[in-house]
N, C-alpha and C. Protein backbone atom coordinates (compact mmCIF):
# COMPACT_ATOMS: atom_id res chain seq x y z
N UNK A 1 -9.20 21.01 4.03
CA UNK A 1 -8.09 20.10 3.96
C UNK A 1 -8.54 18.72 4.44
N UNK A 2 -8.10 17.69 3.76
CA UNK A 2 -8.46 16.32 4.08
C UNK A 2 -7.40 15.69 4.96
N UNK A 3 -7.86 14.97 5.98
CA UNK A 3 -6.92 14.24 6.84
C UNK A 3 -6.28 13.11 6.04
N UNK A 4 -5.01 12.86 6.31
CA UNK A 4 -4.27 11.82 5.61
C UNK A 4 -3.83 10.74 6.59
N UNK A 5 -3.91 9.50 6.13
CA UNK A 5 -3.47 8.35 6.92
C UNK A 5 -2.28 7.72 6.23
N UNK A 6 -1.34 7.23 7.01
CA UNK A 6 -0.18 6.52 6.47
C UNK A 6 -0.22 5.08 6.96
N UNK A 7 -0.09 4.16 6.02
CA UNK A 7 0.01 2.74 6.32
C UNK A 7 1.43 2.32 5.97
N UNK A 8 2.05 1.58 6.86
CA UNK A 8 3.41 1.09 6.62
C UNK A 8 3.39 -0.43 6.59
N UNK A 9 4.03 -0.99 5.57
CA UNK A 9 4.12 -2.45 5.45
C UNK A 9 5.60 -2.80 5.35
N UNK A 10 6.10 -3.56 6.33
CA UNK A 10 7.50 -3.99 6.30
C UNK A 10 7.77 -4.84 5.07
N UNK A 11 8.94 -4.65 4.48
CA UNK A 11 9.31 -5.47 3.32
C UNK A 11 9.21 -6.95 3.64
N UNK A 12 9.65 -7.33 4.84
CA UNK A 12 9.65 -8.75 5.23
C UNK A 12 8.23 -9.32 5.31
N UNK A 13 7.22 -8.46 5.48
CA UNK A 13 5.85 -8.92 5.61
C UNK A 13 5.16 -9.08 4.25
N UNK A 14 5.81 -8.63 3.18
CA UNK A 14 5.20 -8.75 1.86
C UNK A 14 5.13 -10.21 1.45
N UNK A 15 3.97 -10.65 0.95
CA UNK A 15 3.86 -12.04 0.50
C UNK A 15 4.58 -12.24 -0.83
N UNK A 16 4.86 -13.49 -1.13
CA UNK A 16 5.46 -13.79 -2.43
C UNK A 16 4.40 -13.53 -3.49
N UNK A 17 4.67 -13.05 -4.66
CA UNK A 17 5.98 -12.73 -5.20
C UNK A 17 6.42 -11.28 -4.94
N UNK A 18 5.60 -10.49 -4.23
CA UNK A 18 5.98 -9.09 -3.99
C UNK A 18 7.28 -8.96 -3.22
N UNK A 19 7.55 -9.88 -2.30
CA UNK A 19 8.77 -9.77 -1.51
C UNK A 19 10.02 -10.10 -2.32
N UNK A 20 9.85 -10.63 -3.51
CA UNK A 20 11.00 -10.95 -4.35
C UNK A 20 11.32 -9.83 -5.34
N UNK A 21 10.41 -8.91 -5.52
CA UNK A 21 10.62 -7.79 -6.44
C UNK A 21 11.39 -6.69 -5.73
N UNK A 22 11.89 -5.76 -6.54
CA UNK A 22 12.54 -4.63 -5.88
C UNK A 22 11.47 -3.79 -5.19
N UNK A 23 11.80 -3.15 -4.10
CA UNK A 23 10.82 -2.41 -3.30
C UNK A 23 10.06 -1.34 -4.08
N UNK A 24 10.72 -0.67 -5.01
CA UNK A 24 10.02 0.34 -5.80
C UNK A 24 8.93 -0.29 -6.67
N UNK A 25 9.22 -1.44 -7.25
CA UNK A 25 8.24 -2.14 -8.07
C UNK A 25 7.06 -2.60 -7.21
N UNK A 26 7.34 -3.10 -6.01
CA UNK A 26 6.27 -3.52 -5.11
C UNK A 26 5.38 -2.34 -4.75
N UNK A 27 5.98 -1.19 -4.46
CA UNK A 27 5.20 0.01 -4.13
C UNK A 27 4.32 0.42 -5.31
N UNK A 28 4.87 0.38 -6.52
CA UNK A 28 4.09 0.73 -7.71
C UNK A 28 2.92 -0.23 -7.90
N UNK A 29 3.15 -1.51 -7.67
CA UNK A 29 2.08 -2.51 -7.83
C UNK A 29 0.97 -2.29 -6.80
N UNK A 30 1.35 -2.00 -5.57
CA UNK A 30 0.36 -1.75 -4.52
C UNK A 30 -0.44 -0.50 -4.84
N UNK A 31 0.25 0.56 -5.23
CA UNK A 31 -0.43 1.81 -5.58
C UNK A 31 -1.40 1.59 -6.73
N UNK A 32 -0.99 0.87 -7.75
CA UNK A 32 -1.86 0.62 -8.91
C UNK A 32 -3.08 -0.20 -8.50
N UNK A 33 -2.90 -1.19 -7.64
CA UNK A 33 -4.02 -2.01 -7.18
C UNK A 33 -5.04 -1.17 -6.41
N UNK A 34 -4.55 -0.28 -5.55
CA UNK A 34 -5.44 0.61 -4.80
C UNK A 34 -6.19 1.55 -5.75
N UNK A 35 -5.48 2.12 -6.69
CA UNK A 35 -6.11 3.05 -7.63
C UNK A 35 -7.14 2.34 -8.51
N UNK A 36 -6.88 1.08 -8.86
CA UNK A 36 -7.85 0.31 -9.64
C UNK A 36 -9.16 0.13 -8.88
N UNK A 37 -9.08 0.18 -7.56
CA UNK A 37 -10.27 0.07 -6.71
C UNK A 37 -10.88 1.43 -6.40
N UNK A 38 -10.35 2.48 -7.02
CA UNK A 38 -10.88 3.83 -6.81
C UNK A 38 -10.35 4.52 -5.57
N UNK A 39 -9.27 4.01 -5.01
CA UNK A 39 -8.69 4.57 -3.79
C UNK A 39 -7.51 5.45 -4.18
N UNK A 40 -7.58 6.70 -3.80
CA UNK A 40 -6.51 7.65 -4.08
C UNK A 40 -5.38 7.37 -3.10
N UNK A 41 -4.25 6.90 -3.62
CA UNK A 41 -3.14 6.54 -2.73
C UNK A 41 -1.81 6.81 -3.40
N UNK A 42 -0.83 7.09 -2.56
CA UNK A 42 0.55 7.21 -3.01
C UNK A 42 1.36 6.21 -2.21
N UNK A 43 2.01 5.29 -2.92
CA UNK A 43 2.84 4.29 -2.25
C UNK A 43 4.28 4.49 -2.68
N UNK A 44 5.19 4.33 -1.72
CA UNK A 44 6.61 4.49 -2.04
C UNK A 44 7.44 3.60 -1.13
N UNK A 45 8.64 3.30 -1.60
CA UNK A 45 9.59 2.52 -0.81
C UNK A 45 10.34 3.47 0.12
N UNK A 46 10.38 3.12 1.40
CA UNK A 46 11.10 3.93 2.39
C UNK A 46 12.04 3.00 3.16
N UNK A 47 13.15 2.68 2.58
CA UNK A 47 14.23 1.86 3.13
C UNK A 47 13.75 0.51 3.69
N UNK A 48 13.02 0.48 4.80
CA UNK A 48 12.66 -0.78 5.43
C UNK A 48 11.20 -1.17 5.23
N UNK A 49 10.42 -0.28 4.61
CA UNK A 49 9.01 -0.57 4.47
C UNK A 49 8.41 0.15 3.26
N UNK A 50 7.20 -0.26 2.90
CA UNK A 50 6.41 0.44 1.89
C UNK A 50 5.51 1.41 2.65
N UNK A 51 5.51 2.65 2.24
CA UNK A 51 4.67 3.68 2.87
C UNK A 51 3.53 3.98 1.92
N UNK A 52 2.31 3.90 2.43
CA UNK A 52 1.11 4.19 1.64
C UNK A 52 0.39 5.35 2.31
N UNK A 53 0.22 6.43 1.58
CA UNK A 53 -0.51 7.59 2.11
C UNK A 53 -1.82 7.72 1.34
N UNK A 54 -2.91 7.94 2.10
CA UNK A 54 -4.22 8.04 1.48
C UNK A 54 -5.13 8.89 2.34
N UNK A 55 -6.22 9.41 1.75
CA UNK A 55 -7.17 10.16 2.56
C UNK A 55 -7.77 9.25 3.63
N UNK A 56 -7.88 9.75 4.83
CA UNK A 56 -8.43 8.96 5.94
C UNK A 56 -9.83 8.46 5.62
N UNK A 57 -10.58 9.20 4.84
CA UNK A 57 -11.94 8.78 4.48
C UNK A 57 -11.95 7.49 3.67
N UNK A 58 -10.81 7.13 3.08
CA UNK A 58 -10.73 5.90 2.28
C UNK A 58 -9.99 4.78 3.02
N UNK A 59 -9.73 4.97 4.31
CA UNK A 59 -8.97 3.99 5.08
C UNK A 59 -9.68 2.64 5.14
N UNK A 60 -10.96 2.62 5.39
CA UNK A 60 -11.69 1.34 5.49
C UNK A 60 -11.62 0.57 4.18
N UNK A 61 -11.85 1.24 3.07
CA UNK A 61 -11.80 0.59 1.76
C UNK A 61 -10.39 0.10 1.45
N UNK A 62 -9.39 0.91 1.77
CA UNK A 62 -8.01 0.52 1.52
C UNK A 62 -7.63 -0.67 2.39
N UNK A 63 -8.03 -0.67 3.63
CA UNK A 63 -7.72 -1.79 4.53
C UNK A 63 -8.34 -3.09 4.03
N UNK A 64 -9.58 -3.02 3.58
CA UNK A 64 -10.25 -4.21 3.04
C UNK A 64 -9.52 -4.73 1.82
N UNK A 65 -9.12 -3.82 0.93
CA UNK A 65 -8.43 -4.22 -0.28
C UNK A 65 -7.05 -4.79 0.02
N UNK A 66 -6.30 -4.14 0.91
CA UNK A 66 -4.97 -4.62 1.28
C UNK A 66 -5.06 -5.98 1.99
N UNK A 67 -6.08 -6.16 2.80
CA UNK A 67 -6.26 -7.45 3.47
C UNK A 67 -6.58 -8.55 2.45
N UNK A 68 -7.35 -8.22 1.42
CA UNK A 68 -7.67 -9.23 0.40
C UNK A 68 -6.41 -9.67 -0.36
N UNK A 69 -5.40 -8.79 -0.40
CA UNK A 69 -4.13 -9.13 -1.03
C UNK A 69 -3.13 -9.73 -0.05
N UNK A 70 -3.57 -9.94 1.20
CA UNK A 70 -2.73 -10.49 2.27
C UNK A 70 -1.52 -9.60 2.58
N UNK A 71 -1.74 -8.29 2.46
CA UNK A 71 -0.68 -7.33 2.78
C UNK A 71 -0.79 -6.84 4.21
N UNK A 72 -1.98 -6.90 4.78
CA UNK A 72 -2.18 -6.53 6.18
C UNK A 72 -3.07 -7.58 6.83
């Protein structure tokens, strides 16, 4: 079994134009961007934040990619 990490990004912290889209669309865009980089991730809207779940082994790559998008 692989360890899983969860990253949470508050809606208010999303940069423009992501913060102007509906939360489900923002989650889909983030998930697609991670997958385009070869990172297995599931992103979803959870009322006040975007929840991203991914294998812990891909945390460093995901963090680098999310930082390049100014999400973290």
